[in-house]
């Protein structure tokens, strides 16, 4: 089969998905509500959403315990103490139970 230059090709296979896969079924649990902001920086290691006053969207960061202190990587700087990262925290994020988590 010959495809011309302007012939659309569905590389993702979206058109092959049945509509029933795109609609939440009645027996499925509803989506989780958004997390409330934490009152301060995280107190335990894990993955969190963090945003400062300069950005409209948060970024996902991993908080690690390094040398007895909770630290994160921020803007290409390693090991920034979470106490120095002024902004808003949400989390910790729960591990995924989806298909890619196995």
PDB file of N, CA and C in Angstrom:
ATOM      1  N   UNK A   1       0.847  -1.171   0.000  1.00  0.00           N
ATOM      2  CA  UNK A   1       0.000   0.000   0.000  1.00  0.00           C
ATOM      3  C   UNK A   1       0.890   1.230   0.000  1.00  0.00           C
ATOM      4  N   UNK A   2       0.553   2.191  -0.824  1.00  0.00           N
ATOM      5  CA  UNK A   2       1.345   3.405  -0.963  1.00  0.00           C
ATOM      6  C   UNK A   2       0.701   4.529  -0.143  1.00  0.00           C
ATOM      7  N   UNK A   3       1.515   5.174   0.699  1.00  0.00           N
ATOM      8  CA  UNK A   3       1.033   6.309   1.485  1.00  0.00           C
ATOM      9  C   UNK A   3       1.616   7.580   0.898  1.00  0.00           C
ATOM     10  N   UNK A   4       0.779   8.516   0.563  1.00  0.00           N
ATOM     11  CA  UNK A   4       1.248   9.801   0.056  1.00  0.00           C
ATOM     12  C   UNK A   4       1.764  10.667   1.185  1.00  0.00           C
ATOM     13  N   UNK A   5       2.315  11.782   0.838  1.00  0.00           N
ATOM     14  CA  UNK A   5       2.896  12.690   1.832  1.00  0.00           C
ATOM     15  C   UNK A   5       1.837  13.204   2.805  1.00  0.00           C
ATOM     16  N   UNK A   6       0.629  13.428   2.329  1.00  0.00           N
ATOM     17  CA  UNK A   6      -0.400  14.025   3.177  1.00  0.00           C
ATOM     18  C   UNK A   6      -1.383  12.998   3.725  1.00  0.00           C
ATOM     19  N   UNK A   7      -1.035  11.744   3.667  1.00  0.00           N
ATOM     20  CA  UNK A   7      -1.897  10.688   4.188  1.00  0.00           C
ATOM     21  C   UNK A   7      -1.678  10.562   5.692  1.00  0.00           C
ATOM     22  N   UNK A   8      -2.704  10.757   6.521  1.00  0.00           N
ATOM     23  CA  UNK A   8      -2.508  10.649   7.972  1.00  0.00           C
ATOM     24  C   UNK A   8      -2.234   9.203   8.394  1.00  0.00           C
ATOM     25  N   UNK A   9      -1.285   9.047   9.294  1.00  0.00           N
ATOM     26  CA  UNK A   9      -0.950   7.728   9.826  1.00  0.00           C
ATOM     27  C   UNK A   9      -1.151   7.786  11.331  1.00  0.00           C
ATOM     28  N   UNK A  10      -1.982   6.919  11.854  1.00  0.00           N
ATOM     29  CA  UNK A  10      -2.262   6.873  13.287  1.00  0.00           C
ATOM     30  C   UNK A  10      -1.225   5.986  13.961  1.00  0.00           C
ATOM     31  N   UNK A  11      -0.116   6.572  14.383  1.00  0.00           N
ATOM     32  CA  UNK A  11       0.970   5.781  14.967  1.00  0.00           C
ATOM     33  C   UNK A  11       0.653   5.286  16.366  1.00  0.00           C
ATOM     34  N   UNK A  12      -0.237   5.950  17.074  1.00  0.00           N
ATOM     35  CA  UNK A  12      -0.557   5.535  18.438  1.00  0.00           C
ATOM     36  C   UNK A  12      -1.649   4.480  18.484  1.00  0.00           C
ATOM     37  N   UNK A  13      -2.348   4.280  17.407  1.00  0.00           N
ATOM     38  CA  UNK A  13      -3.418   3.296  17.388  1.00  0.00           C
ATOM     39  C   UNK A  13      -4.639   3.722  18.175  1.00  0.00           C
ATOM     40  N   UNK A  14      -4.855   5.036  18.314  1.00  0.00           N
ATOM     41  CA  UNK A  14      -5.984   5.536  19.103  1.00  0.00           C
ATOM     42  C   UNK A  14      -7.308   5.102  18.492  1.00  0.00           C
ATOM     43  N   UNK A  15      -7.361   5.074  17.176  1.00  0.00           N
ATOM     44  CA  UNK A  15      -8.621   4.726  16.530  1.00  0.00           C
ATOM     45  C   UNK A  15      -8.968   3.261  16.734  1.00  0.00           C
ATOM     46  N   UNK A  16      -8.000   2.449  17.128  1.00  0.00           N
ATOM     47  CA  UNK A  16      -8.258   1.028  17.344  1.00  0.00           C
ATOM     48  C   UNK A  16      -8.799   0.724  18.737  1.00  0.00           C
ATOM     49  N   UNK A  17      -8.750   1.695  19.650  1.00  0.00           N
ATOM     50  CA  UNK A  17      -9.217   1.462  21.017  1.00  0.00           C
ATOM     51  C   UNK A  17     -10.736   1.450  21.062  1.00  0.00           C
ATOM     52  N   UNK A  18     -11.321   0.467  21.740  1.00  0.00           N
ATOM     53  CA  UNK A  18     -12.770   0.499  21.896  1.00  0.00           C
ATOM     54  C   UNK A  18     -13.189   1.617  22.846  1.00  0.00           C
ATOM     55  N   UNK A  19     -14.336   2.199  22.596  1.00  0.00           N
ATOM     56  CA  UNK A  19     -14.828   3.308  23.412  1.00  0.00           C
ATOM     57  C   UNK A  19     -14.998   2.896  24.870  1.00  0.00           C
ATOM     58  N   UNK A  20     -15.273   1.629  25.123  1.00  0.00           N
ATOM     59  CA  UNK A  20     -15.484   1.172  26.502  1.00  0.00           C
ATOM     60  C   UNK A  20     -14.231   1.314  27.352  1.00  0.00           C
ATOM     61  N   UNK A  21     -13.038   1.369  26.745  1.00  0.00           N
ATOM     62  CA  UNK A  21     -11.801   1.551  27.511  1.00  0.00           C
ATOM     63  C   UNK A  21     -11.599   2.988  27.962  1.00  0.00           C
ATOM     64  N   UNK A  22     -12.313   3.912  27.357  1.00  0.00           N
ATOM     65  CA  UNK A  22     -12.118   5.332  27.655  1.00  0.00           C
ATOM     66  C   UNK A  22     -13.142   5.874  28.652  1.00  0.00           C
ATOM     67  N   UNK A  23     -14.101   5.073  29.023  1.00  0.00           N
ATOM     68  CA  UNK A  23     -15.160   5.520  29.931  1.00  0.00           C
ATOM     69  C   UNK A  23     -15.040   4.749  31.242  1.00  0.00           C
ATOM     70  N   UNK A  24     -15.060   5.484  32.372  1.00  0.00           N
ATOM     71  CA  UNK A  24     -14.979   4.820  33.672  1.00  0.00           C
ATOM     72  C   UNK A  24     -16.259   4.031  33.914  1.00  0.00           C
ATOM     73  N   UNK A  25     -16.071   2.785  34.305  1.00  0.00           N
ATOM     74  CA  UNK A  25     -17.213   1.901  34.542  1.00  0.00           C
ATOM     75  C   UNK A  25     -17.807   2.172  35.931  1.00  0.00           C
ATOM     76  N   UNK A  26     -19.091   1.883  36.132  1.00  0.00           N
ATOM     77  CA  UNK A  26     -19.727   2.171  37.426  1.00  0.00           C
ATOM     78  C   UNK A  26     -19.086   1.446  38.608  1.00  0.00           C
ATOM     79  N   UNK A  27     -18.487   0.265  38.376  1.00  0.00           N
ATOM     80  CA  UNK A  27     -17.899  -0.473  39.491  1.00  0.00           C
ATOM     81  C   UNK A  27     -16.472  -0.030  39.801  1.00  0.00           C
ATOM     82  N   UNK A  28     -15.897   0.867  39.011  1.00  0.00           N
ATOM     83  CA  UNK A  28     -14.560   1.376  39.282  1.00  0.00           C
ATOM     84  C   UNK A  28     -14.624   2.462  40.347  1.00  0.00           C
ATOM     85  N   UNK A  29     -13.627   2.531  41.210  1.00  0.00           N
ATOM     86  CA  UNK A  29     -13.638   3.582  42.225  1.00  0.00           C
ATOM     87  C   UNK A  29     -13.443   4.952  41.575  1.00  0.00           C
ATOM     88  N   UNK A  30     -14.013   5.990  42.175  1.00  0.00           N
ATOM     89  CA  UNK A  30     -13.834   7.337  41.616  1.00  0.00           C
ATOM     90  C   UNK A  30     -12.389   7.787  41.774  1.00  0.00           C
ATOM     91  N   UNK A  31     -11.961   8.758  40.981  1.00  0.00           N
ATOM     92  CA  UNK A  31     -10.586   9.248  41.121  1.00  0.00           C
ATOM     93  C   UNK A  31     -10.375   9.881  42.489  1.00  0.00           C
ATOM     94  N   UNK A  32      -9.125   9.850  42.937  1.00  0.00           N
ATOM     95  CA  UNK A  32      -8.806  10.428  44.244  1.00  0.00           C
ATOM     96  C   UNK A  32      -8.875  11.949  44.190  1.00  0.00           C
ATOM     97  N   UNK A  33      -9.291  12.583  45.276  1.00  0.00           N
ATOM     98  CA  UNK A  33      -9.305  14.051  45.296  1.00  0.00           C
ATOM     99  C   UNK A  33      -7.873  14.584  45.326  1.00  0.00           C
ATOM    100  N   UNK A  34      -7.673  15.843  44.952  1.00  0.00           N
ATOM    101  CA  UNK A  34      -6.318  16.395  45.001  1.00  0.00           C
ATOM    102  C   UNK A  34      -5.817  16.482  46.439  1.00  0.00           C
ATOM    103  N   UNK A  35      -4.503  16.394  46.593  1.00  0.00           N
ATOM    104  CA  UNK A  35      -3.919  16.471  47.917  1.00  0.00           C
ATOM    105  C   UNK A  35      -3.998  17.880  48.460  1.00  0.00           C
ATOM    106  N   UNK A  36      -4.196  17.968  49.757  1.00  0.00           N
ATOM    107  CA  UNK A  36      -4.143  19.258  50.424  1.00  0.00           C
ATOM    108  C   UNK A  36      -2.681  19.656  50.589  1.00  0.00           C
ATOM    109  N   UNK A  37      -2.396  20.946  50.544  1.00  0.00           N
ATOM    110  CA  UNK A  37      -1.002  21.369  50.777  1.00  0.00           C
ATOM    111  C   UNK A  37      -0.544  20.966  52.179  1.00  0.00           C
ATOM    112  N   UNK A  38       0.706  20.561  52.285  1.00  0.00           N
ATOM    113  CA  UNK A  38       1.282  20.237  53.591  1.00  0.00           C
ATOM    114  C   UNK A  38       1.498  21.530  54.374  1.00  0.00           C
ATOM    115  N   UNK A  39       1.446  21.467  55.689  1.00  0.00           N
ATOM    116  CA  UNK A  39       1.649  22.685  56.485  1.00  0.00           C
ATOM    117  C   UNK A  39       3.094  23.187  56.452  1.00  0.00           C
ATOM    118  N   UNK A  40       4.016  22.362  56.008  1.00  0.00           N
ATOM    119  CA  UNK A  40       5.429  22.738  55.938  1.00  0.00           C
ATOM    120  C   UNK A  40       6.156  21.763  55.041  1.00  0.00           C
ATOM    121  N   UNK A  41       7.479  21.751  55.109  1.00  0.00           N
ATOM    122  CA  UNK A  41       8.231  20.806  54.282  1.00  0.00           C
ATOM    123  C   UNK A  41       7.965  19.363  54.706  1.00  0.00           C
ATOM    124  N   UNK A  42       8.275  18.404  53.831  1.00  0.00           N
ATOM    125  CA  UNK A  42       8.062  16.987  54.167  1.00  0.00           C
ATOM    126  C   UNK A  42       8.864  16.578  55.403  1.00  0.00           C
ATOM    127  N   UNK A  43       8.350  15.584  56.086  1.00  0.00           N
ATOM    128  CA  UNK A  43       9.020  15.073  57.288  1.00  0.00           C
ATOM    129  C   UNK A  43       9.532  13.651  57.097  1.00  0.00           C
ATOM    130  N   UNK A  44       9.332  13.090  55.890  1.00  0.00           N
ATOM    131  CA  UNK A  44       9.813  11.742  55.609  1.00  0.00           C
ATOM    132  C   UNK A  44      10.183  11.646  54.125  1.00  0.00           C
ATOM    133  N   UNK A  45      11.096  10.718  53.786  1.00  0.00           N
ATOM    134  CA  UNK A  45      11.478  10.553  52.386  1.00  0.00           C
ATOM    135  C   UNK A  45      10.299  10.083  51.539  1.00  0.00           C
ATOM    136  N   UNK A  46      10.357  10.369  50.248  1.00  0.00           N
ATOM    137  CA  UNK A  46       9.317   9.947  49.315  1.00  0.00           C
ATOM    138  C   UNK A  46       9.227  10.905  48.144  1.00  0.00           C
ATOM    139  N   UNK A  47       8.223  10.694  47.315  1.00  0.00           N
ATOM    140  CA  UNK A  47       7.973  11.556  46.158  1.00  0.00           C
ATOM    141  C   UNK A  47       6.879  12.558  46.525  1.00  0.00           C
ATOM    142  N   UNK A  48       7.092  13.822  46.155  1.00  0.00           N
ATOM    143  CA  UNK A  48       6.170  14.906  46.482  1.00  0.00           C
ATOM    144  C   UNK A  48       5.995  15.824  45.281  1.00  0.00           C
ATOM    145  N   UNK A  49       4.871  16.570  45.290  1.00  0.00           N
ATOM    146  CA  UNK A  49       4.695  17.686  44.364  1.00  0.00           C
ATOM    147  C   UNK A  49       5.165  18.933  45.093  1.00  0.00           C
ATOM    148  N   UNK A  50       5.983  19.731  44.418  1.00  0.00           N
ATOM    149  CA  UNK A  50       6.504  20.959  45.019  1.00  0.00           C
ATOM    150  C   UNK A  50       6.372  22.087  44.003  1.00  0.00           C
ATOM    151  N   UNK A  51       5.990  23.258  44.448  1.00  0.00           N
ATOM    152  CA  UNK A  51       5.976  24.439  43.583  1.00  0.00           C
ATOM    153  C   UNK A  51       6.314  25.659  44.427  1.00  0.00           C
ATOM    154  N   UNK A  52       6.966  26.603  43.784  1.00  0.00           N
ATOM    155  CA  UNK A  52       7.271  27.850  44.479  1.00  0.00           C
ATOM    156  C   UNK A  52       6.352  28.940  43.939  1.00  0.00           C
ATOM    157  N   UNK A  53       6.530  30.154  44.378  1.00  0.00           N
ATOM    158  CA  UNK A  53       5.652  31.252  43.992  1.00  0.00           C
ATOM    159  C   UNK A  53       5.863  31.694  42.545  1.00  0.00           C
ATOM    160  N   UNK A  54       6.976  31.292  41.931  1.00  0.00           N
ATOM    161  CA  UNK A  54       7.289  31.763  40.586  1.00  0.00           C
ATOM    162  C   UNK A  54       6.664  30.914  39.489  1.00  0.00           C
ATOM    163  N   UNK A  55       6.249  29.710  39.802  1.00  0.00           N
ATOM    164  CA  UNK A  55       5.709  28.831  38.761  1.00  0.00           C
ATOM    165  C   UNK A  55       4.239  28.544  39.023  1.00  0.00           C
ATOM    166  N   UNK A  56       3.513  28.312  37.948  1.00  0.00           N
ATOM    167  CA  UNK A  56       2.088  28.019  38.111  1.00  0.00           C
ATOM    168  C   UNK A  56       1.831  26.533  38.300  1.00  0.00           C
ATOM    169  N   UNK A  57       2.807  25.703  37.926  1.00  0.00           N
ATOM    170  CA  UNK A  57       2.646  24.259  38.068  1.00  0.00           C
ATOM    171  C   UNK A  57       3.704  23.710  38.999  1.00  0.00           C
ATOM    172  N   UNK A  58       3.352  22.643  39.664  1.00  0.00           N
ATOM    173  CA  UNK A  58       4.306  21.981  40.533  1.00  0.00           C
ATOM    174  C   UNK A  58       5.175  21.017  39.753  1.00  0.00           C
ATOM    175  N   UNK A  59       6.248  20.601  40.382  1.00  0.00           N
ATOM    176  CA  UNK A  59       7.105  19.577  39.817  1.00  0.00           C
ATOM    177  C   UNK A  59       7.181  18.429  40.808  1.00  0.00           C
ATOM    178  N   UNK A  60       7.389  17.236  40.299  1.00  0.00           N
ATOM    179  CA  UNK A  60       7.514  16.074  41.162  1.00  0.00           C
ATOM    180  C   UNK A  60       8.978  15.944  41.561  1.00  0.00           C
ATOM    181  N   UNK A  61       9.212  15.867  42.850  1.00  0.00           N
ATOM    182  CA  UNK A  61      10.578  15.752  43.353  1.00  0.00           C
ATOM    183  C   UNK A  61      10.666  14.561  44.302  1.00  0.00           C
ATOM    184  N   UNK A  62      11.857  13.972  44.347  1.00  0.00           N
ATOM    185  CA  UNK A  62      12.104  12.887  45.291  1.00  0.00           C
ATOM    186  C   UNK A  62      12.863  13.454  46.474  1.00  0.00           C
ATOM    187  N   UNK A  63      12.307  13.275  47.661  1.00  0.00           N
ATOM    188  CA  UNK A  63      12.949  13.706  48.895  1.00  0.00           C
ATOM    189  C   UNK A  63      13.689  12.498  49.466  1.00  0.00           C
ATOM    190  N   UNK A  64      14.998  12.688  49.725  1.00  0.00           N
ATOM    191  CA  UNK A  64      15.835  11.591  50.219  1.00  0.00           C
ATOM    192  C   UNK A  64      16.454  11.986  51.553  1.00  0.00           C
ATOM    193  N   UNK A  65      16.723  10.991  52.360  1.00  0.00           N
ATOM    194  CA  UNK A  65      17.440  11.199  53.614  1.00  0.00           C
ATOM    195  C   UNK A  65      18.931  11.046  53.323  1.00  0.00           C
ATOM    196  N   UNK A  66      19.668  12.163  53.365  1.00  0.00           N
ATOM    197  CA  UNK A  66      21.098  12.179  53.058  1.00  0.00           C
ATOM    198  C   UNK A  66      21.822  12.817  54.232  1.00  0.00           C
ATOM    199  N   UNK A  67      22.747  12.085  54.808  1.00  0.00           N
ATOM    200  CA  UNK A  67      23.523  12.576  55.955  1.00  0.00           C
ATOM    201  C   UNK A  67      22.612  13.051  57.090  1.00  0.00           C
ATOM    202  N   UNK A  68      21.525  12.324  57.324  1.00  0.00           N
ATOM    203  CA  UNK A  68      20.619  12.644  58.416  1.00  0.00           C
ATOM    204  C   UNK A  68      19.712  13.831  58.157  1.00  0.00           C
ATOM    205  N   UNK A  69      19.668  14.316  56.921  1.00  0.00           N
ATOM    206  CA  UNK A  69      18.846  15.486  56.595  1.00  0.00           C
ATOM    207  C   UNK A  69      18.022  15.191  55.340  1.00  0.00           C
ATOM    208  N   UNK A  70      16.773  15.660  55.310  1.00  0.00           N
ATOM    209  CA  UNK A  70      15.933  15.469  54.132  1.00  0.00           C
ATOM    210  C   UNK A  70      16.353  16.471  53.066  1.00  0.00           C
ATOM    211  N   UNK A  71      16.675  15.932  51.864  1.00  0.00           N
ATOM    212  CA  UNK A  71      17.152  16.789  50.778  1.00  0.00           C
ATOM    213  C   UNK A  71      16.483  16.402  49.474  1.00  0.00           C
ATOM    214  N   UNK A  72      16.524  17.330  48.511  1.00  0.00           N
ATOM    215  CA  UNK A  72      15.935  17.124  47.194  1.00  0.00           C
ATOM    216  C   UNK A  72      16.863  17.706  46.143  1.00  0.00           C
ATOM    217  N   UNK A  73      16.634  17.319  44.882  1.00  0.00           N
ATOM    218  CA  UNK A  73      17.351  17.941  43.771  1.00  0.00           C
ATOM    219  C   UNK A  73      16.442  19.025  43.218  1.00  0.00           C
ATOM    220  N   UNK A  74      16.969  20.224  43.075  1.00  0.00           N
ATOM    221  CA  UNK A  74      16.149  21.351  42.636  1.00  0.00           C
ATOM    222  C   UNK A  74      16.903  22.162  41.602  1.00  0.00           C
ATOM    223  N   UNK A  75      16.307  22.285  40.419  1.00  0.00           N
ATOM    224  CA  UNK A  75      16.879  23.109  39.348  1.00  0.00           C
ATOM    225  C   UNK A  75      18.337  22.772  39.093  1.00  0.00           C
ATOM    226  N   UNK A  76      18.608  21.507  38.908  1.00  0.00           N
ATOM    227  CA  UNK A  76      19.938  21.004  38.570  1.00  0.00           C
ATOM    228  C   UNK A  76      20.955  21.177  39.693  1.00  0.00           C
ATOM    229  N   UNK A  77      20.506  21.462  40.886  1.00  0.00           N
ATOM    230  CA  UNK A  77      21.397  21.514  42.050  1.00  0.00           C
ATOM    231  C   UNK A  77      21.075  20.311  42.919  1.00  0.00           C
ATOM    232  N   UNK A  78      22.070  19.510  43.214  1.00  0.00           N
ATOM    233  CA  UNK A  78      21.865  18.319  44.033  1.00  0.00           C
ATOM    234  C   UNK A  78      21.822  18.663  45.514  1.00  0.00           C
ATOM    235  N   UNK A  79      21.129  17.840  46.242  1.00  0.00           N
ATOM    236  CA  UNK A  79      21.141  17.852  47.708  1.00  0.00           C
ATOM    237  C   UNK A  79      20.788  19.202  48.326  1.00  0.00           C
ATOM    238  N   UNK A  80      19.652  19.758  47.924  1.00  0.00           N
ATOM    239  CA  UNK A  80      19.146  20.988  48.533  1.00  0.00           C
ATOM    240  C   UNK A  80      18.278  20.585  49.722  1.00  0.00           C
ATOM    241  N   UNK A  81      18.546  21.081  50.930  1.00  0.00           N
ATOM    242  CA  UNK A  81      17.684  20.744  52.071  1.00  0.00           C
ATOM    243  C   UNK A  81      16.243  21.199  51.815  1.00  0.00           C
ATOM    244  N   UNK A  82      15.278  20.351  52.158  1.00  0.00           N
ATOM    245  CA  UNK A  82      13.880  20.718  51.913  1.00  0.00           C
ATOM    246  C   UNK A  82      13.475  21.950  52.725  1.00  0.00           C
ATOM    247  N   UNK A  83      14.144  22.193  53.838  1.00  0.00           N
ATOM    248  CA  UNK A  83      13.831  23.386  54.631  1.00  0.00           C
ATOM    249  C   UNK A  83      14.193  24.666  53.871  1.00  0.00           C
ATOM    250  N   UNK A  84      15.147  24.590  52.934  1.00  0.00           N
ATOM    251  CA  UNK A  84      15.539  25.753  52.140  1.00  0.00           C
ATOM    252  C   UNK A  84      14.692  25.923  50.886  1.00  0.00           C
ATOM    253  N   UNK A  85      13.873  24.952  50.555  1.00  0.00           N
ATOM    254  CA  UNK A  85      13.021  25.012  49.360  1.00  0.00           C
ATOM    255  C   UNK A  85      11.692  25.648  49.739  1.00  0.00           C
ATOM    256  N   UNK A  86      11.641  26.951  49.670  1.00  0.00           N
ATOM    257  CA  UNK A  86      10.416  27.671  50.027  1.00  0.00           C
ATOM    258  C   UNK A  86       9.359  27.451  48.953  1.00  0.00           C
ATOM    259  N   UNK A  87       8.178  27.145  49.356  1.00  0.00           N
ATOM    260  CA  UNK A  87       7.096  26.922  48.405  1.00  0.00           C
ATOM    261  C   UNK A  87       6.009  26.067  49.017  1.00  0.00           C
ATOM    262  N   UNK A  88       5.270  25.399  48.145  1.00  0.00           N
ATOM    263  CA  UNK A  88       4.129  24.598  48.564  1.00  0.00           C
ATOM    264  C   UNK A  88       4.409  23.132  48.280  1.00  0.00           C
ATOM    265  N   UNK A  89       4.108  22.281  49.239  1.00  0.00           N
ATOM    266  CA  UNK A  89       4.338  20.842  49.141  1.00  0.00           C
ATOM    267  C   UNK A  89       3.015  20.108  49.164  1.00  0.00           C
ATOM    268  N   UNK A  90       2.909  19.039  48.381  1.00  0.00           N
ATOM    269  CA  UNK A  90       1.755  18.132  48.418  1.00  0.00           C
ATOM    270  C   UNK A  90       2.291  16.708  48.369  1.00  0.00           C
ATOM    271  N   UNK A  91       1.692  15.836  49.129  1.00  0.00           N
ATOM    272  CA  UNK A  91       2.137  14.441  49.095  1.00  0.00           C
ATOM    273  C   UNK A  91       2.207  13.865  50.494  1.00  0.00           C
ATOM    274  N   UNK A  92       2.909  12.774  50.677  1.00  0.00           N
ATOM    275  CA  UNK A  92       3.716  12.045  49.705  1.00  0.00           C
ATOM    276  C   UNK A  92       2.857  11.294  48.698  1.00  0.00           C
ATOM    277  N   UNK A  93       3.396  11.105  47.491  1.00  0.00           N
ATOM    278  CA  UNK A  93       2.691  10.377  46.448  1.00  0.00           C
ATOM    279  C   UNK A  93       2.714   8.901  46.765  1.00  0.00           C
ATOM    280  N   UNK A  94       1.592   8.253  46.542  1.00  0.00           N
ATOM    281  CA  UNK A  94       1.496   6.820  46.779  1.00  0.00           C
ATOM    282  C   UNK A  94       2.042   6.063  45.572  1.00  0.00           C
ATOM    283  N   UNK A  95       2.619   4.880  45.778  1.00  0.00           N
ATOM    284  CA  UNK A  95       3.091   4.088  44.642  1.00  0.00           C
ATOM    285  C   UNK A  95       1.933   3.761  43.708  1.00  0.00           C
ATOM    286  N   UNK A  96       2.212   3.722  42.439  1.00  0.00           N
ATOM    287  CA  UNK A  96       1.197   3.420  41.446  1.00  0.00           C
ATOM    288  C   UNK A  96       0.849   1.937  41.463  1.00  0.00           C
ATOM    289  N   UNK A  97      -0.384   1.634  41.146  1.00  0.00           N
ATOM    290  CA  UNK A  97      -0.812   0.250  40.995  1.00  0.00           C
ATOM    291  C   UNK A  97      -1.158  -0.036  39.549  1.00  0.00           C
ATOM    292  N   UNK A  98      -0.780   0.883  38.649  1.00  0.00           N
ATOM    293  CA  UNK A  98      -1.108   0.746  37.232  1.00  0.00           C
ATOM    294  C   UNK A  98      -0.239  -0.282  36.525  1.00  0.00           C
ATOM    295  N   UNK A  99      -0.429  -0.372  35.226  1.00  0.00           N
ATOM    296  CA  UNK A  99       0.257  -1.382  34.437  1.00  0.00           C
ATOM    297  C   UNK A  99       1.769  -1.211  34.422  1.00  0.00           C
ATOM    298  N   UNK A 100       2.276   0.013  34.442  1.00  0.00           N
ATOM    299  CA  UNK A 100       3.703   0.235  34.374  1.00  0.00           C
ATOM    300  C   UNK A 100       4.434   0.063  35.696  1.00  0.00           C
ATOM    301  N   UNK A 101       3.747  -0.258  36.770  1.00  0.00           N
ATOM    302  CA  UNK A 101       4.362  -0.331  38.085  1.00  0.00           C
ATOM    303  C   UNK A 101       4.845  -1.728  38.451  1.00  0.00           C
ATOM    304  N   UNK A 102       4.655  -2.680  37.582  1.00  0.00           N
ATOM    305  CA  UNK A 102       5.024  -4.050  37.921  1.00  0.00           C
ATOM    306  C   UNK A 102       6.406  -4.391  37.515  1.00  0.00           C
TER     307      UNK A 102
END
